[in-house]
């Protein structure tokens, strides 16, 4: 009877939910980066070009 009570408490525990949610968010972010890799690269290159151009003029 005591083992059954411990098993029931273990199944009702919600402490692991935060970890699962964080892992899902990371998976979604990595997926978005893979999908939009070309656009992200273009934006970053354009940003660094502007920074280089503006710092040369100062």
C-alpha atoms as a PDB file:
ATOM      1  CA  UNK A   1       0.000   0.000   0.000  1.00  0.00           C
ATOM      2  CA  UNK A   2       2.872   2.363   0.846  1.00  0.00           C
ATOM      3  CA  UNK A   3       4.579   1.732  -2.520  1.00  0.00           C
ATOM      4  CA  UNK A   4       1.367   2.488  -4.390  1.00  0.00           C
ATOM      5  CA  UNK A   5       1.005   5.814  -2.575  1.00  0.00           C
ATOM      6  CA  UNK A   6       4.583   6.791  -3.482  1.00  0.00           C
ATOM      7  CA  UNK A   7       3.989   5.872  -7.128  1.00  0.00           C
ATOM      8  CA  UNK A   8       0.822   7.967  -7.233  1.00  0.00           C
ATOM      9  CA  UNK A   9       2.672  10.976  -5.803  1.00  0.00           C
ATOM     10  CA  UNK A  10       5.482  10.506  -8.307  1.00  0.00           C
ATOM     11  CA  UNK A  11       3.053  10.496 -11.238  1.00  0.00           C
ATOM     12  CA  UNK A  12       1.281  13.632  -9.992  1.00  0.00           C
ATOM     13  CA  UNK A  13       4.525  15.573  -9.509  1.00  0.00           C
ATOM     14  CA  UNK A  14       4.838  18.592 -11.812  1.00  0.00           C
ATOM     15  CA  UNK A  15       8.415  19.675 -11.154  1.00  0.00           C
ATOM     16  CA  UNK A  16       9.630  18.285 -14.486  1.00  0.00           C
ATOM     17  CA  UNK A  17       7.200  20.357 -16.521  1.00  0.00           C
ATOM     18  CA  UNK A  18       9.511  23.388 -16.531  1.00  0.00           C
ATOM     19  CA  UNK A  19      12.332  21.374 -18.055  1.00  0.00           C
ATOM     20  CA  UNK A  20      10.106  19.977 -20.798  1.00  0.00           C
ATOM     21  CA  UNK A  21       8.830  23.447 -21.652  1.00  0.00           C
ATOM     22  CA  UNK A  22      12.353  24.875 -21.875  1.00  0.00           C
ATOM     23  CA  UNK A  23      13.461  22.015 -24.137  1.00  0.00           C
ATOM     24  CA  UNK A  24      10.462  22.582 -26.428  1.00  0.00           C
ATOM     25  CA  UNK A  25      11.215  26.310 -26.648  1.00  0.00           C
ATOM     26  CA  UNK A  26      14.849  25.565 -27.534  1.00  0.00           C
ATOM     27  CA  UNK A  27      13.770  23.082 -30.221  1.00  0.00           C
ATOM     28  CA  UNK A  28      11.411  25.654 -31.754  1.00  0.00           C
ATOM     29  CA  UNK A  29      14.104  28.360 -31.723  1.00  0.00           C
ATOM     30  CA  UNK A  30      16.667  26.058 -33.335  1.00  0.00           C
ATOM     31  CA  UNK A  31      14.095  25.112 -35.982  1.00  0.00           C
ATOM     32  CA  UNK A  32      13.407  28.773 -36.756  1.00  0.00           C
ATOM     33  CA  UNK A  33      17.120  29.504 -37.067  1.00  0.00           C
ATOM     34  CA  UNK A  34      17.537  26.591 -39.474  1.00  0.00           C
ATOM     35  CA  UNK A  35      14.556  27.706 -41.569  1.00  0.00           C
ATOM     36  CA  UNK A  36      15.529  31.394 -41.715  1.00  0.00           C
ATOM     37  CA  UNK A  37      19.327  30.941 -41.750  1.00  0.00           C
ATOM     38  CA  UNK A  38      19.746  32.723 -45.103  1.00  0.00           C
ATOM     39  CA  UNK A  39      17.724  35.756 -44.066  1.00  0.00           C
ATOM     40  CA  UNK A  40      19.451  35.992 -40.698  1.00  0.00           C
ATOM     41  CA  UNK A  41      22.864  35.840 -42.382  1.00  0.00           C
ATOM     42  CA  UNK A  42      21.895  38.598 -44.821  1.00  0.00           C
ATOM     43  CA  UNK A  43      20.593  40.853 -42.048  1.00  0.00           C
ATOM     44  CA  UNK A  44      23.727  40.388 -39.939  1.00  0.00           C
ATOM     45  CA  UNK A  45      26.030  41.020 -42.920  1.00  0.00           C
ATOM     46  CA  UNK A  46      24.124  44.198 -43.815  1.00  0.00           C
ATOM     47  CA  UNK A  47      24.290  45.341 -40.207  1.00  0.00           C
ATOM     48  CA  UNK A  48      28.058  44.840 -40.018  1.00  0.00           C
ATOM     49  CA  UNK A  49      28.514  46.599 -43.386  1.00  0.00           C
ATOM     50  CA  UNK A  50      26.603  49.628 -42.064  1.00  0.00           C
ATOM     51  CA  UNK A  51      28.619  49.626 -38.840  1.00  0.00           C
ATOM     52  CA  UNK A  52      31.888  49.474 -40.786  1.00  0.00           C
ATOM     53  CA  UNK A  53      30.828  52.240 -43.176  1.00  0.00           C
ATOM     54  CA  UNK A  54      29.642  54.535 -40.395  1.00  0.00           C
ATOM     55  CA  UNK A  55      32.712  54.026 -38.232  1.00  0.00           C
ATOM     56  CA  UNK A  56      34.997  54.840 -41.179  1.00  0.00           C
ATOM     57  CA  UNK A  57      33.181  58.142 -41.686  1.00  0.00           C
ATOM     58  CA  UNK A  58      33.586  59.197 -38.048  1.00  0.00           C
END
